[in-house]
Structure formats: structure tokens, C-alpha cells
């Protein structure tokens, strides 16, 4: 669930309202353990998402400073894709190694 919270700082153009809200929603889902809140909890969750999004917006757009050059979304997307492919290769190799029959021990 938490993998959907994306890095939002120091991009050009800056993070969109949709990206900020999506990250806030994922955060609320993670800490509450609720993927879809009940009617009794919906208002509280909606309020929390709105407050976290506002705090995140203020942090990203008004308060954080950097001297680093802004990130490029396309480059970051390709890096994430490469990391995912590498993770899959390592996972498949581990599964294959675990499924191989063990050589008998010399007696």
C-alpha cells in the first residue's frame, strides 16, 4: 500500500495537487489500516487527507529549500522502472535457487 507514496520534492514542474492528494490518501490509508472507510469514519478520513495534503503542499512549495537542480519526471520514472526490473530478476533468481533440488550430502 505505501509504495504509492511518491517522492514529490524538487521536480520541475512542481508536484500537482492530484499527486499531493494521492500521497496524502495513501498515508491516511496506511496509518489507519482502512482501504475504504466505513460511513462512520469517512468524514474523519476525508478531513485527515485534506489536512495532510495542505501540510504537504506548504512543505513542498513554501518551506523546503534546495540548491540541487530539479528532477526530471521521465528520468525518475525510468530509474524506478529499472529498479523494479532489477528487483524482479533478483526475486526470480532467489525463487529458482530455492526450488532447485539439493545435492545429497557426502557421507
PDB file of N, CA and C in Angstrom:
ATOM      1  N   UNK A   1       0.825  -1.191   0.000  1.00  0.00           N
ATOM      2  CA  UNK A   1       0.000   0.000   0.000  1.00  0.00           C
ATOM      3  C   UNK A   1       0.866   1.251   0.000  1.00  0.00           C
ATOM      4  N   UNK A   2       1.894   1.296   0.798  1.00  0.00           N
ATOM      5  CA  UNK A   2       2.686   2.500   0.976  1.00  0.00           C
ATOM      6  C   UNK A   2       3.576   2.809  -0.222  1.00  0.00           C
ATOM      7  N   UNK A   3       3.767   1.848  -1.120  1.00  0.00           N
ATOM      8  CA  UNK A   3       4.616   2.101  -2.276  1.00  0.00           C
ATOM      9  C   UNK A   3       4.078   3.203  -3.154  1.00  0.00           C
ATOM     10  N   UNK A   4       2.798   3.525  -3.032  1.00  0.00           N
ATOM     11  CA  UNK A   4       2.192   4.545  -3.874  1.00  0.00           C
ATOM     12  C   UNK A   4       2.495   5.957  -3.404  1.00  0.00           C
ATOM     13  N   UNK A   5       3.147   6.115  -2.274  1.00  0.00           N
ATOM     14  CA  UNK A   5       3.540   7.443  -1.836  1.00  0.00           C
ATOM     15  C   UNK A   5       4.825   7.772  -2.579  1.00  0.00           C
ATOM     16  N   UNK A   6       4.730   8.710  -3.486  1.00  0.00           N
ATOM     17  CA  UNK A   6       5.843   9.039  -4.368  1.00  0.00           C
ATOM     18  C   UNK A   6       6.626  10.241  -3.845  1.00  0.00           C
ATOM     19  N   UNK A   7       7.887  10.289  -4.223  1.00  0.00           N
ATOM     20  CA  UNK A   7       8.730  11.438  -3.951  1.00  0.00           C
ATOM     21  C   UNK A   7       8.149  12.626  -4.706  1.00  0.00           C
ATOM     22  N   UNK A   8       7.926  13.748  -4.024  1.00  0.00           N
ATOM     23  CA  UNK A   8       7.279  14.889  -4.657  1.00  0.00           C
ATOM     24  C   UNK A   8       8.135  16.153  -4.655  1.00  0.00           C
ATOM     25  N   UNK A   9       9.216  16.170  -3.920  1.00  0.00           N
ATOM     26  CA  UNK A   9      10.002  17.389  -3.769  1.00  0.00           C
ATOM     27  C   UNK A   9      11.004  17.571  -4.899  1.00  0.00           C
ATOM     28  N   UNK A  10      11.179  18.796  -5.306  1.00  0.00           N
ATOM     29  CA  UNK A  10      12.206  19.236  -6.238  1.00  0.00           C
ATOM     30  C   UNK A  10      12.020  18.675  -7.641  1.00  0.00           C
ATOM     31  N   UNK A  11      10.809  18.787  -8.154  1.00  0.00           N
ATOM     32  CA  UNK A  11      10.523  18.450  -9.535  1.00  0.00           C
ATOM     33  C   UNK A  11      10.171  19.709 -10.291  1.00  0.00           C
ATOM     34  N   UNK A  12      10.433  19.689 -11.561  1.00  0.00           N
ATOM     35  CA  UNK A  12      10.032  20.786 -12.423  1.00  0.00           C
ATOM     36  C   UNK A  12       9.166  20.211 -13.519  1.00  0.00           C
ATOM     37  N   UNK A  13       7.915  20.558 -13.631  1.00  0.00           N
ATOM     38  CA  UNK A  13       7.169  21.467 -12.780  1.00  0.00           C
ATOM     39  C   UNK A  13       6.901  20.849 -11.407  1.00  0.00           C
ATOM     40  N   UNK A  14       6.545  21.678 -10.416  1.00  0.00           N
ATOM     41  CA  UNK A  14       6.308  21.170  -9.063  1.00  0.00           C
ATOM     42  C   UNK A  14       5.183  20.137  -9.024  1.00  0.00           C
ATOM     43  N   UNK A  15       5.124  19.424  -7.916  1.00  0.00           N
ATOM     44  CA  UNK A  15       4.081  18.403  -7.728  1.00  0.00           C
ATOM     45  C   UNK A  15       2.700  19.016  -7.944  1.00  0.00           C
ATOM     46  N   UNK A  16       1.854  18.233  -8.564  1.00  0.00           N
ATOM     47  CA  UNK A  16       0.487  18.705  -8.821  1.00  0.00           C
ATOM     48  C   UNK A  16      -0.389  18.468  -7.597  1.00  0.00           C
ATOM     49  N   UNK A  17      -1.517  19.119  -7.587  1.00  0.00           N
ATOM     50  CA  UNK A  17      -2.480  18.918  -6.493  1.00  0.00           C
ATOM     51  C   UNK A  17      -2.921  17.460  -6.436  1.00  0.00           C
ATOM     52  N   UNK A  18      -3.093  16.834  -7.600  1.00  0.00           N
ATOM     53  CA  UNK A  18      -3.512  15.427  -7.648  1.00  0.00           C
ATOM     54  C   UNK A  18      -2.440  14.528  -7.031  1.00  0.00           C
ATOM     55  N   UNK A  19      -1.165  14.781  -7.312  1.00  0.00           N
ATOM     56  CA  UNK A  19      -0.085  13.978  -6.743  1.00  0.00           C
ATOM     57  C   UNK A  19      -0.012  14.141  -5.224  1.00  0.00           C
ATOM     58  N   UNK A  20      -0.168  15.367  -4.771  1.00  0.00           N
ATOM     59  CA  UNK A  20      -0.134  15.635  -3.331  1.00  0.00           C
ATOM     60  C   UNK A  20      -1.296  14.940  -2.637  1.00  0.00           C
ATOM     61  N   UNK A  21      -2.486  15.048  -3.207  1.00  0.00           N
ATOM     62  CA  UNK A  21      -3.661  14.420  -2.600  1.00  0.00           C
ATOM     63  C   UNK A  21      -3.540  12.895  -2.604  1.00  0.00           C
ATOM     64  N   UNK A  22      -3.035  12.318  -3.695  1.00  0.00           N
ATOM     65  CA  UNK A  22      -2.873  10.861  -3.773  1.00  0.00           C
ATOM     66  C   UNK A  22      -1.916  10.365  -2.692  1.00  0.00           C
ATOM     67  N   UNK A  23      -0.835  11.088  -2.465  1.00  0.00           N
ATOM     68  CA  UNK A  23       0.108  10.700  -1.416  1.00  0.00           C
ATOM     69  C   UNK A  23      -0.524  10.834  -0.035  1.00  0.00           C
ATOM     70  N   UNK A  24      -1.288  11.902   0.175  1.00  0.00           N
ATOM     71  CA  UNK A  24      -1.969  12.086   1.456  1.00  0.00           C
ATOM     72  C   UNK A  24      -2.973  10.960   1.699  1.00  0.00           C
ATOM     73  N   UNK A  25      -3.709  10.579   0.659  1.00  0.00           N
ATOM     74  CA  UNK A  25      -4.678   9.494   0.767  1.00  0.00           C
ATOM     75  C   UNK A  25      -3.983   8.181   1.114  1.00  0.00           C
ATOM     76  N   UNK A  26      -2.865   7.881   0.461  1.00  0.00           N
ATOM     77  CA  UNK A  26      -2.137   6.654   0.761  1.00  0.00           C
ATOM     78  C   UNK A  26      -1.620   6.660   2.195  1.00  0.00           C
ATOM     79  N   UNK A  27      -1.155   7.812   2.654  1.00  0.00           N
ATOM     80  CA  UNK A  27      -0.669   7.922   4.035  1.00  0.00           C
ATOM     81  C   UNK A  27      -1.802   7.621   5.025  1.00  0.00           C
ATOM     82  N   UNK A  28      -2.961   8.231   4.805  1.00  0.00           N
ATOM     83  CA  UNK A  28      -4.104   8.010   5.706  1.00  0.00           C
ATOM     84  C   UNK A  28      -4.527   6.543   5.669  1.00  0.00           C
ATOM     85  N   UNK A  29      -4.549   5.951   4.492  1.00  0.00           N
ATOM     86  CA  UNK A  29      -4.904   4.531   4.391  1.00  0.00           C
ATOM     87  C   UNK A  29      -3.913   3.666   5.156  1.00  0.00           C
ATOM     88  N   UNK A  30      -2.634   4.002   5.052  1.00  0.00           N
ATOM     89  CA  UNK A  30      -1.609   3.202   5.711  1.00  0.00           C
ATOM     90  C   UNK A  30      -1.722   3.295   7.223  1.00  0.00           C
ATOM     91  N   UNK A  31      -1.779   4.517   7.750  1.00  0.00           N
ATOM     92  CA  UNK A  31      -1.777   4.654   9.208  1.00  0.00           C
ATOM     93  C   UNK A  31      -3.091   4.215   9.836  1.00  0.00           C
ATOM     94  N   UNK A  32      -4.203   4.318   9.084  1.00  0.00           N
ATOM     95  CA  UNK A  32      -5.489   3.915   9.647  1.00  0.00           C
ATOM     96  C   UNK A  32      -5.763   2.428   9.436  1.00  0.00           C
ATOM     97  N   UNK A  33      -5.136   1.847   8.429  1.00  0.00           N
ATOM     98  CA  UNK A  33      -5.411   0.453   8.096  1.00  0.00           C
ATOM     99  C   UNK A  33      -6.720   0.288   7.343  1.00  0.00           C
ATOM    100  N   UNK A  34      -7.283   1.391   6.884  1.00  0.00           N
ATOM    101  CA  UNK A  34      -8.575   1.360   6.198  1.00  0.00           C
ATOM    102  C   UNK A  34      -8.392   1.657   4.721  1.00  0.00           C
ATOM    103  N   UNK A  35      -8.670   0.677   3.877  1.00  0.00           N
ATOM    104  CA  UNK A  35      -8.611   0.908   2.430  1.00  0.00           C
ATOM    105  C   UNK A  35      -9.833   1.713   1.996  1.00  0.00           C
ATOM    106  N   UNK A  36     -10.989   1.332   2.506  1.00  0.00           N
ATOM    107  CA  UNK A  36     -12.230   2.044   2.232  1.00  0.00           C
ATOM    108  C   UNK A  36     -12.939   2.237   3.566  1.00  0.00           C
ATOM    109  N   UNK A  37     -12.894   3.451   4.121  1.00  0.00           N
ATOM    110  CA  UNK A  37     -13.500   3.669   5.438  1.00  0.00           C
ATOM    111  C   UNK A  37     -15.015   3.477   5.420  1.00  0.00           C
ATOM    112  N   UNK A  38     -15.533   3.083   6.563  1.00  0.00           N
ATOM    113  CA  UNK A  38     -16.984   2.951   6.710  1.00  0.00           C
ATOM    114  C   UNK A  38     -17.605   4.347   6.679  1.00  0.00           C
ATOM    115  N   UNK A  39     -18.910   4.384   6.562  1.00  0.00           N
ATOM    116  CA  UNK A  39     -19.615   5.675   6.545  1.00  0.00           C
ATOM    117  C   UNK A  39     -19.331   6.459   7.832  1.00  0.00           C
ATOM    118  N   UNK A  40     -19.192   5.755   8.938  1.00  0.00           N
ATOM    119  CA  UNK A  40     -18.927   6.414  10.219  1.00  0.00           C
ATOM    120  C   UNK A  40     -17.548   7.065  10.254  1.00  0.00           C
ATOM    121  N   UNK A  41     -16.596   6.525   9.492  1.00  0.00           N
ATOM    122  CA  UNK A  41     -15.226   7.037   9.505  1.00  0.00           C
ATOM    123  C   UNK A  41     -14.877   7.889   8.281  1.00  0.00           C
ATOM    124  N   UNK A  42     -15.758   7.954   7.311  1.00  0.00           N
ATOM    125  CA  UNK A  42     -15.461   8.643   6.054  1.00  0.00           C
ATOM    126  C   UNK A  42     -15.103  10.111   6.264  1.00  0.00           C
ATOM    127  N   UNK A  43     -15.885  10.824   7.056  1.00  0.00           N
ATOM    128  CA  UNK A  43     -15.635  12.255   7.264  1.00  0.00           C
ATOM    129  C   UNK A  43     -14.282  12.489   7.927  1.00  0.00           C
ATOM    130  N   UNK A  44     -13.949  11.668   8.908  1.00  0.00           N
ATOM    131  CA  UNK A  44     -12.659  11.812   9.590  1.00  0.00           C
ATOM    132  C   UNK A  44     -11.508  11.554   8.623  1.00  0.00           C
ATOM    133  N   UNK A  45     -11.646  10.530   7.802  1.00  0.00           N
ATOM    134  CA  UNK A  45     -10.588  10.218   6.830  1.00  0.00           C
ATOM    135  C   UNK A  45     -10.468  11.311   5.772  1.00  0.00           C
ATOM    136  N   UNK A  46     -11.585  11.811   5.281  1.00  0.00           N
ATOM    137  CA  UNK A  46     -11.550  12.896   4.294  1.00  0.00           C
ATOM    138  C   UNK A  46     -10.887  14.141   4.877  1.00  0.00           C
ATOM    139  N   UNK A  47     -11.207  14.451   6.115  1.00  0.00           N
ATOM    140  CA  UNK A  47     -10.612  15.611   6.796  1.00  0.00           C
ATOM    141  C   UNK A  47      -9.104  15.410   6.957  1.00  0.00           C
ATOM    142  N   UNK A  48      -8.698  14.209   7.341  1.00  0.00           N
ATOM    143  CA  UNK A  48      -7.272  13.915   7.509  1.00  0.00           C
ATOM    144  C   UNK A  48      -6.531  14.047   6.180  1.00  0.00           C
ATOM    145  N   UNK A  49      -7.114  13.539   5.108  1.00  0.00           N
ATOM    146  CA  UNK A  49      -6.478  13.655   3.786  1.00  0.00           C
ATOM    147  C   UNK A  49      -6.319  15.129   3.416  1.00  0.00           C
ATOM    148  N   UNK A  50      -7.362  15.919   3.626  1.00  0.00           N
ATOM    149  CA  UNK A  50      -7.295  17.346   3.287  1.00  0.00           C
ATOM    150  C   UNK A  50      -6.228  18.063   4.112  1.00  0.00           C
ATOM    151  N   UNK A  51      -6.154  17.765   5.401  1.00  0.00           N
ATOM    152  CA  UNK A  51      -5.172  18.418   6.266  1.00  0.00           C
ATOM    153  C   UNK A  51      -3.752  18.002   5.900  1.00  0.00           C
ATOM    154  N   UNK A  52      -3.542  16.718   5.643  1.00  0.00           N
ATOM    155  CA  UNK A  52      -2.204  16.236   5.280  1.00  0.00           C
ATOM    156  C   UNK A  52      -1.794  16.805   3.924  1.00  0.00           C
ATOM    157  N   UNK A  53      -2.730  16.881   2.987  1.00  0.00           N
ATOM    158  CA  UNK A  53      -2.419  17.467   1.680  1.00  0.00           C
ATOM    159  C   UNK A  53      -2.022  18.934   1.833  1.00  0.00           C
ATOM    160  N   UNK A  54      -2.719  19.670   2.681  1.00  0.00           N
ATOM    161  CA  UNK A  54      -2.390  21.088   2.904  1.00  0.00           C
ATOM    162  C   UNK A  54      -1.003  21.235   3.523  1.00  0.00           C
ATOM    163  N   UNK A  55      -0.703  20.395   4.492  1.00  0.00           N
ATOM    164  CA  UNK A  55       0.615  20.431   5.137  1.00  0.00           C
ATOM    165  C   UNK A  55       1.703  20.074   4.123  1.00  0.00           C
ATOM    166  N   UNK A  56       1.450  19.059   3.319  1.00  0.00           N
ATOM    167  CA  UNK A  56       2.419  18.629   2.310  1.00  0.00           C
ATOM    168  C   UNK A  56       2.647  19.730   1.282  1.00  0.00           C
ATOM    169  N   UNK A  57       1.572  20.344   0.828  1.00  0.00           N
ATOM    170  CA  UNK A  57       1.670  21.443  -0.140  1.00  0.00           C
ATOM    171  C   UNK A  57       2.529  22.568   0.421  1.00  0.00           C
ATOM    172  N   UNK A  58       2.261  22.954   1.660  1.00  0.00           N
ATOM    173  CA  UNK A  58       3.033  24.029   2.297  1.00  0.00           C
ATOM    174  C   UNK A  58       4.500  23.640   2.412  1.00  0.00           C
ATOM    175  N   UNK A  59       4.753  22.403   2.840  1.00  0.00           N
ATOM    176  CA  UNK A  59       6.124  21.921   2.982  1.00  0.00           C
ATOM    177  C   UNK A  59       6.858  21.959   1.644  1.00  0.00           C
ATOM    178  N   UNK A  60       6.256  21.374   0.615  1.00  0.00           N
ATOM    179  CA  UNK A  60       6.912  21.264  -0.686  1.00  0.00           C
ATOM    180  C   UNK A  60       7.086  22.595  -1.392  1.00  0.00           C
ATOM    181  N   UNK A  61       6.047  23.402  -1.386  1.00  0.00           N
ATOM    182  CA  UNK A  61       6.043  24.604  -2.209  1.00  0.00           C
ATOM    183  C   UNK A  61       6.515  25.858  -1.500  1.00  0.00           C
ATOM    184  N   UNK A  62       6.414  25.895  -0.176  1.00  0.00           N
ATOM    185  CA  UNK A  62       6.747  27.127   0.544  1.00  0.00           C
ATOM    186  C   UNK A  62       7.949  27.019   1.465  1.00  0.00           C
ATOM    187  N   UNK A  63       8.194  25.849   2.043  1.00  0.00           N
ATOM    188  CA  UNK A  63       9.170  25.778   3.128  1.00  0.00           C
ATOM    189  C   UNK A  63      10.487  25.081   2.778  1.00  0.00           C
ATOM    190  N   UNK A  64      10.447  23.993   2.036  1.00  0.00           N
ATOM    191  CA  UNK A  64      11.681  23.280   1.726  1.00  0.00           C
ATOM    192  C   UNK A  64      12.507  24.065   0.720  1.00  0.00           C
ATOM    193  N   UNK A  65      13.820  24.039   0.929  1.00  0.00           N
ATOM    194  CA  UNK A  65      14.736  24.707   0.012  1.00  0.00           C
ATOM    195  C   UNK A  65      15.803  23.714  -0.429  1.00  0.00           C
ATOM    196  N   UNK A  66      16.297  23.899  -1.632  1.00  0.00           N
ATOM    197  CA  UNK A  66      17.380  23.064  -2.139  1.00  0.00           C
ATOM    198  C   UNK A  66      18.179  23.846  -3.159  1.00  0.00           C
ATOM    199  N   UNK A  67      19.428  23.470  -3.269  1.00  0.00           N
ATOM    200  CA  UNK A  67      20.279  24.047  -4.306  1.00  0.00           C
ATOM    201  C   UNK A  67      20.454  23.063  -5.461  1.00  0.00           C
ATOM    202  N   UNK A  68      19.926  21.877  -5.271  1.00  0.00           N
ATOM    203  CA  UNK A  68      20.030  20.850  -6.308  1.00  0.00           C
ATOM    204  C   UNK A  68      19.164  21.227  -7.509  1.00  0.00           C
ATOM    205  N   UNK A  69      19.582  20.766  -8.675  1.00  0.00           N
ATOM    206  CA  UNK A  69      18.767  21.019  -9.855  1.00  0.00           C
ATOM    207  C   UNK A  69      17.498  20.174  -9.758  1.00  0.00           C
ATOM    208  N   UNK A  70      16.394  20.693 -10.270  1.00  0.00           N
ATOM    209  CA  UNK A  70      15.134  19.943 -10.203  1.00  0.00           C
ATOM    210  C   UNK A  70      15.232  18.609 -10.927  1.00  0.00           C
ATOM    211  N   UNK A  71      14.499  17.646 -10.414  1.00  0.00           N
ATOM    212  CA  UNK A  71      14.448  16.320 -11.017  1.00  0.00           C
ATOM    213  C   UNK A  71      13.557  16.339 -12.255  1.00  0.00           C
ATOM    214  N   UNK A  72      13.834  15.412 -13.138  1.00  0.00           N
ATOM    215  CA  UNK A  72      13.035  15.236 -14.343  1.00  0.00           C
ATOM    216  C   UNK A  72      12.141  14.015 -14.125  1.00  0.00           C
ATOM    217  N   UNK A  73      10.847  14.181 -14.269  1.00  0.00           N
ATOM    218  CA  UNK A  73       9.905  13.092 -14.011  1.00  0.00           C
ATOM    219  C   UNK A  73      10.165  11.879 -14.913  1.00  0.00           C
ATOM    220  N   UNK A  74      10.490  12.118 -16.170  1.00  0.00           N
ATOM    221  CA  UNK A  74      10.732  10.999 -17.099  1.00  0.00           C
ATOM    222  C   UNK A  74      11.956  10.198 -16.672  1.00  0.00           C
ATOM    223  N   UNK A  75      13.011  10.893 -16.262  1.00  0.00           N
ATOM    224  CA  UNK A  75      14.226  10.209 -15.813  1.00  0.00           C
ATOM    225  C   UNK A  75      13.935   9.403 -14.554  1.00  0.00           C
ATOM    226  N   UNK A  76      13.217   9.993 -13.601  1.00  0.00           N
ATOM    227  CA  UNK A  76      12.883   9.296 -12.354  1.00  0.00           C
ATOM    228  C   UNK A  76      11.994   8.092 -12.622  1.00  0.00           C
ATOM    229  N   UNK A  77      11.070   8.219 -13.571  1.00  0.00           N
ATOM    230  CA  UNK A  77      10.188   7.095 -13.929  1.00  0.00           C
ATOM    231  C   UNK A  77      11.014   5.943 -14.502  1.00  0.00           C
ATOM    232  N   UNK A  78      11.984   6.258 -15.357  1.00  0.00           N
ATOM    233  CA  UNK A  78      12.850   5.218 -15.935  1.00  0.00           C
ATOM    234  C   UNK A  78      13.705   4.559 -14.849  1.00  0.00           C
ATOM    235  N   UNK A  79      14.217   5.339 -13.925  1.00  0.00           N
ATOM    236  CA  UNK A  79      15.003   4.773 -12.819  1.00  0.00           C
ATOM    237  C   UNK A  79      14.157   3.822 -11.988  1.00  0.00           C
ATOM    238  N   UNK A  80      12.921   4.232 -11.698  1.00  0.00           N
ATOM    239  CA  UNK A  80      12.018   3.376 -10.918  1.00  0.00           C
ATOM    240  C   UNK A  80      11.707   2.094 -11.681  1.00  0.00           C
ATOM    241  N   UNK A  81      11.514   2.212 -12.977  1.00  0.00           N
ATOM    242  CA  UNK A  81      11.239   1.030 -13.801  1.00  0.00           C
ATOM    243  C   UNK A  81      12.435   0.080 -13.771  1.00  0.00           C
ATOM    244  N   UNK A  82      13.641   0.636 -13.881  1.00  0.00           N
ATOM    245  CA  UNK A  82      14.852  -0.196 -13.843  1.00  0.00           C
ATOM    246  C   UNK A  82      15.005  -0.875 -12.487  1.00  0.00           C
ATOM    247  N   UNK A  83      14.722  -0.155 -11.411  1.00  0.00           N
ATOM    248  CA  UNK A  83      14.790  -0.762 -10.070  1.00  0.00           C
ATOM    249  C   UNK A  83      13.787  -1.898  -9.943  1.00  0.00           C
ATOM    250  N   UNK A  84      12.594  -1.710 -10.471  1.00  0.00           N
ATOM    251  CA  UNK A  84      11.573  -2.751 -10.427  1.00  0.00           C
ATOM    252  C   UNK A  84      11.992  -3.980 -11.210  1.00  0.00           C
ATOM    253  N   UNK A  85      12.572  -3.775 -12.389  1.00  0.00           N
ATOM    254  CA  UNK A  85      13.033  -4.902 -13.197  1.00  0.00           C
ATOM    255  C   UNK A  85      14.168  -5.636 -12.498  1.00  0.00           C
ATOM    256  N   UNK A  86      15.085  -4.880 -11.887  1.00  0.00           N
ATOM    257  CA  UNK A  86      16.192  -5.493 -11.151  1.00  0.00           C
ATOM    258  C   UNK A  86      15.665  -6.311  -9.971  1.00  0.00           C
ATOM    259  N   UNK A  87      14.689  -5.749  -9.264  1.00  0.00           N
ATOM    260  CA  UNK A  87      14.083  -6.449  -8.127  1.00  0.00           C
ATOM    261  C   UNK A  87      13.426  -7.744  -8.594  1.00  0.00           C
ATOM    262  N   UNK A  88      12.752  -7.708  -9.748  1.00  0.00           N
ATOM    263  CA  UNK A  88      12.099  -8.906 -10.274  1.00  0.00           C
ATOM    264  C   UNK A  88      13.123  -9.966 -10.657  1.00  0.00           C
ATOM    265  N   UNK A  89      14.225  -9.562 -11.280  1.00  0.00           N
ATOM    266  CA  UNK A  89      15.277 -10.506 -11.660  1.00  0.00           C
ATOM    267  C   UNK A  89      15.844 -11.185 -10.412  1.00  0.00           C
ATOM    268  N   UNK A  90      16.137 -10.385  -9.386  1.00  0.00           N
ATOM    269  CA  UNK A  90      16.684 -10.954  -8.146  1.00  0.00           C
ATOM    270  C   UNK A  90      15.696 -11.893  -7.481  1.00  0.00           C
ATOM    271  N   UNK A  91      14.419 -11.532  -7.475  1.00  0.00           N
ATOM    272  CA  UNK A  91      13.387 -12.373  -6.872  1.00  0.00           C
ATOM    273  C   UNK A  91      13.258 -13.695  -7.625  1.00  0.00           C
ATOM    274  N   UNK A  92      13.228 -13.625  -8.955  1.00  0.00           N
ATOM    275  CA  UNK A  92      13.129 -14.849  -9.757  1.00  0.00           C
ATOM    276  C   UNK A  92      14.343 -15.752  -9.543  1.00  0.00           C
ATOM    277  N   UNK A  93      15.521 -15.148  -9.433  1.00  0.00           N
ATOM    278  CA  UNK A  93      16.743 -15.937  -9.198  1.00  0.00           C
ATOM    279  C   UNK A  93      16.679 -16.614  -7.836  1.00  0.00           C
ATOM    280  N   UNK A  94      16.193 -15.902  -6.838  1.00  0.00           N
ATOM    281  CA  UNK A  94      16.082 -16.489  -5.496  1.00  0.00           C
ATOM    282  C   UNK A  94      15.071 -17.624  -5.483  1.00  0.00           C
ATOM    283  N   UNK A  95      13.948 -17.432  -6.137  1.00  0.00           N
ATOM    284  CA  UNK A  95      12.921 -18.484  -6.195  1.00  0.00           C
ATOM    285  C   UNK A  95      13.467 -19.706  -6.926  1.00  0.00           C
ATOM    286  N   UNK A  96      14.178 -19.471  -8.025  1.00  0.00           N
ATOM    287  CA  UNK A  96      14.752 -20.585  -8.778  1.00  0.00           C
ATOM    288  C   UNK A  96      15.779 -21.333  -7.934  1.00  0.00           C
ATOM    289  N   UNK A  97      16.600 -20.602  -7.186  1.00  0.00           N
ATOM    290  CA  UNK A  97      17.620 -21.239  -6.340  1.00  0.00           C
ATOM    291  C   UNK A  97      16.966 -22.049  -5.226  1.00  0.00           C
ATOM    292  N   UNK A  98      15.890 -21.550  -4.672  1.00  0.00           N
ATOM    293  CA  UNK A  98      15.207 -22.253  -3.586  1.00  0.00           C
ATOM    294  C   UNK A  98      14.476 -23.495  -4.083  1.00  0.00           C
ATOM    295  N   UNK A  99      14.072 -23.504  -5.340  1.00  0.00           N
ATOM    296  CA  UNK A  99      13.291 -24.634  -5.861  1.00  0.00           C
ATOM    297  C   UNK A  99      14.181 -25.739  -6.431  1.00  0.00           C
ATOM    298  N   UNK A 100      15.469 -25.456  -6.625  1.00  0.00           N
ATOM    299  CA  UNK A 100      16.375 -26.494  -7.126  1.00  0.00           C
ATOM    300  C   UNK A 100      16.548 -27.583  -6.072  1.00  0.00           C
ATOM    301  N   UNK A 101      16.588 -28.841  -6.516  1.00  0.00           N
ATOM    302  CA  UNK A 101      16.818 -29.908  -5.534  1.00  0.00           C
ATOM    303  C   UNK A 101      18.216 -29.781  -4.946  1.00  0.00           C
ATOM    304  N   UNK A 102      18.309 -30.068  -3.697  1.00  0.00           N
ATOM    305  CA  UNK A 102      19.588 -30.016  -3.002  1.00  0.00           C
ATOM    306  C   UNK A 102      20.415 -31.232  -3.376  1.00  0.00           C
ATOM    307  N   UNK A 103      21.705 -31.020  -3.533  1.00  0.00           N
ATOM    308  CA  UNK A 103      22.618 -32.132  -3.798  1.00  0.00           C
ATOM    309  C   UNK A 103      22.745 -32.950  -2.537  1.00  0.00           C
ATOM    310  N   UNK A 104      22.795 -34.278  -2.671  1.00  0.00           N
ATOM    311  CA  UNK A 104      22.930 -35.091  -1.473  1.00  0.00           C
ATOM    312  C   UNK A 104      24.277 -34.814  -0.794  1.00  0.00           C
ATOM    313  N   UNK A 105      24.251 -34.873   0.511  1.00  0.00           N
ATOM    314  CA  UNK A 105      25.460 -34.660   1.296  1.00  0.00           C
ATOM    315  C   UNK A 105      26.361 -35.870   1.187  1.00  0.00           C
ATOM    316  N   UNK A 106      27.671 -35.646   1.034  1.00  0.00           N
ATOM    317  CA  UNK A 106      28.594 -36.785   1.012  1.00  0.00           C
ATOM    318  C   UNK A 106      28.623 -37.435   2.377  1.00  0.00           C
ATOM    319  N   UNK A 107      28.533 -38.756   2.411  1.00  0.00           N
ATOM    320  CA  UNK A 107      28.504 -39.461   3.701  1.00  0.00           C
ATOM    321  C   UNK A 107      29.814 -40.129   3.998  1.00  0.00           C
TER     322      UNK A 107
END
